[in-house]
Amino acid sequence: MSEARPVPSWMKVFLGIQLALAALFFLFVWSHTVSLAQGRAASWQDLVALALPLVLVVAAWIAAVWLCRRGQRDIAGVFAILPWPLALVTYMLVGAI
């Protein structure tokens, strides 16, 4: 059995920045949604749409670490860069931004 390879620090920093941006984006849009709801709770559709960037960043983080430890750093780098642009494109397709 081979040893697990370490995850590069640039990948950890990049994914951490994306996670922080996704959390800030979630908080901003959540506050905007709650203010427009005029006292009503946000629907499940709102919650799912708002959580999309966070879910993509966490899923990409897991995939990148797993691929990196298997020795496939090129693909792991793609997964590290992918979630935030993919979330923005998805938001544009559903008309959120």
Protein backbone atom coordinates (compact mmCIF):
# COMPACT_ATOMS: atom_id res chain seq x y z
CA MET A 1 0.00 0.00 0.00
CA SER A 2 1.39 3.41 -0.89
CA GLU A 3 1.51 6.37 1.45
CA ALA A 4 -0.96 9.19 1.10
CA ARG A 5 0.53 12.19 -0.67
CA PRO A 6 0.15 15.58 1.01
CA VAL A 7 -2.26 18.14 -0.37
CA PRO A 8 -0.44 21.23 -1.73
CA SER A 9 -0.80 24.34 0.40
CA TRP A 10 -1.94 26.45 -2.59
CA MET A 11 -4.91 24.12 -2.99
CA LYS A 12 -5.85 24.42 0.70
CA VAL A 13 -5.59 28.22 0.55
CA PHE A 14 -7.55 28.46 -2.70
CA LEU A 15 -10.34 26.21 -1.45
CA GLY A 16 -10.41 28.06 1.88
CA ILE A 17 -10.84 31.38 0.10
CA GLN A 18 -13.63 29.91 -2.03
CA LEU A 19 -15.32 28.54 1.08
CA ALA A 20 -15.15 31.95 2.80
CA LEU A 21 -16.53 33.68 -0.31
CA ALA A 22 -19.33 31.14 -0.60
CA ALA A 23 -20.23 31.62 3.07
CA LEU A 24 -20.27 35.42 2.69
CA PHE A 25 -22.34 35.15 -0.48
CA PHE A 26 -24.77 32.84 1.33
CA LEU A 27 -25.13 35.28 4.24
CA PHE A 28 -25.62 38.27 1.92
CA VAL A 29 -28.23 36.60 -0.26
CA TRP A 30 -29.94 35.05 2.77
CA SER A 31 -30.35 38.46 4.40
CA HIS A 32 -31.66 39.87 1.12
CA THR A 33 -34.14 36.99 0.75
CA VAL A 34 -35.38 37.37 4.33
CA SER A 35 -35.81 41.13 3.94
CA LEU A 36 -37.84 40.67 0.75
CA ALA A 37 -39.98 37.90 2.27
CA GLN A 38 -41.58 40.49 4.60
CA GLY A 39 -41.80 38.27 7.66
CA ARG A 40 -42.32 34.95 5.87
CA ALA A 41 -39.76 32.21 6.15
CA ALA A 42 -37.70 31.40 3.07
CA SER A 43 -38.86 28.36 1.11
CA TRP A 44 -36.88 25.16 0.66
CA GLN A 45 -36.20 26.19 -2.94
CA ASP A 46 -34.52 29.34 -1.65
CA LEU A 47 -32.45 27.37 0.84
CA VAL A 48 -31.27 24.90 -1.79
CA ALA A 49 -30.39 27.65 -4.27
CA LEU A 50 -28.58 29.69 -1.63
CA ALA A 51 -26.56 26.72 -0.40
CA LEU A 52 -25.35 25.75 -3.89
CA PRO A 53 -21.93 27.45 -3.73
CA LEU A 54 -21.23 26.02 -0.29
CA VAL A 55 -22.16 22.52 -1.41
CA LEU A 56 -20.03 22.81 -4.56
CA VAL A 57 -16.99 24.04 -2.63
CA VAL A 58 -17.26 21.26 -0.03
CA ALA A 59 -17.77 18.58 -2.71
CA ALA A 60 -14.84 19.92 -4.75
CA TRP A 61 -12.67 20.06 -1.62
CA ILE A 62 -13.37 16.39 -0.88
CA ALA A 63 -12.75 15.39 -4.51
CA ALA A 64 -9.54 17.45 -4.75
CA VAL A 65 -8.08 16.00 -1.55
CA TRP A 66 -9.01 12.48 -2.58
CA LEU A 67 -7.50 12.87 -6.06
CA CYS A 68 -4.40 14.58 -4.73
CA ARG A 69 -3.73 11.76 -2.28
CA ARG A 70 -4.13 9.25 -5.10
CA GLY A 71 -1.43 11.09 -7.04
CA GLN A 72 -3.61 12.81 -9.65
CA ARG A 73 -2.68 16.41 -8.87
CA ASP A 74 -3.60 17.79 -12.32
CA ILE A 75 -7.22 16.73 -11.98
CA ALA A 76 -7.23 17.75 -8.31
CA GLY A 77 -6.19 21.26 -9.35
CA VAL A 78 -9.14 21.45 -11.74
CA PHE A 79 -11.49 20.39 -8.95
CA ALA A 80 -9.96 23.03 -6.67
CA ILE A 81 -10.64 25.80 -9.20
CA LEU A 82 -14.02 24.54 -10.45
CA PRO A 83 -16.67 25.18 -7.75
CA TRP A 84 -16.97 28.97 -7.65
CA PRO A 85 -17.17 29.54 -11.44
CA LEU A 86 -19.59 26.61 -11.71
CA ALA A 87 -21.79 28.11 -8.98
CA LEU A 88 -21.82 31.49 -10.73
CA VAL A 89 -22.77 29.93 -14.05
CA THR A 90 -25.52 27.92 -12.35
CA TYR A 91 -26.86 31.05 -10.66
CA MET A 92 -26.88 32.85 -14.01
CA LEU A 93 -28.78 29.97 -15.64
CA VAL A 94 -31.49 30.04 -12.98
CA GLY A 95 -31.70 33.84 -13.14
CA ALA A 96 -30.45 34.58 -9.62
CA ILE A 97 -27.74 37.00 -10.76
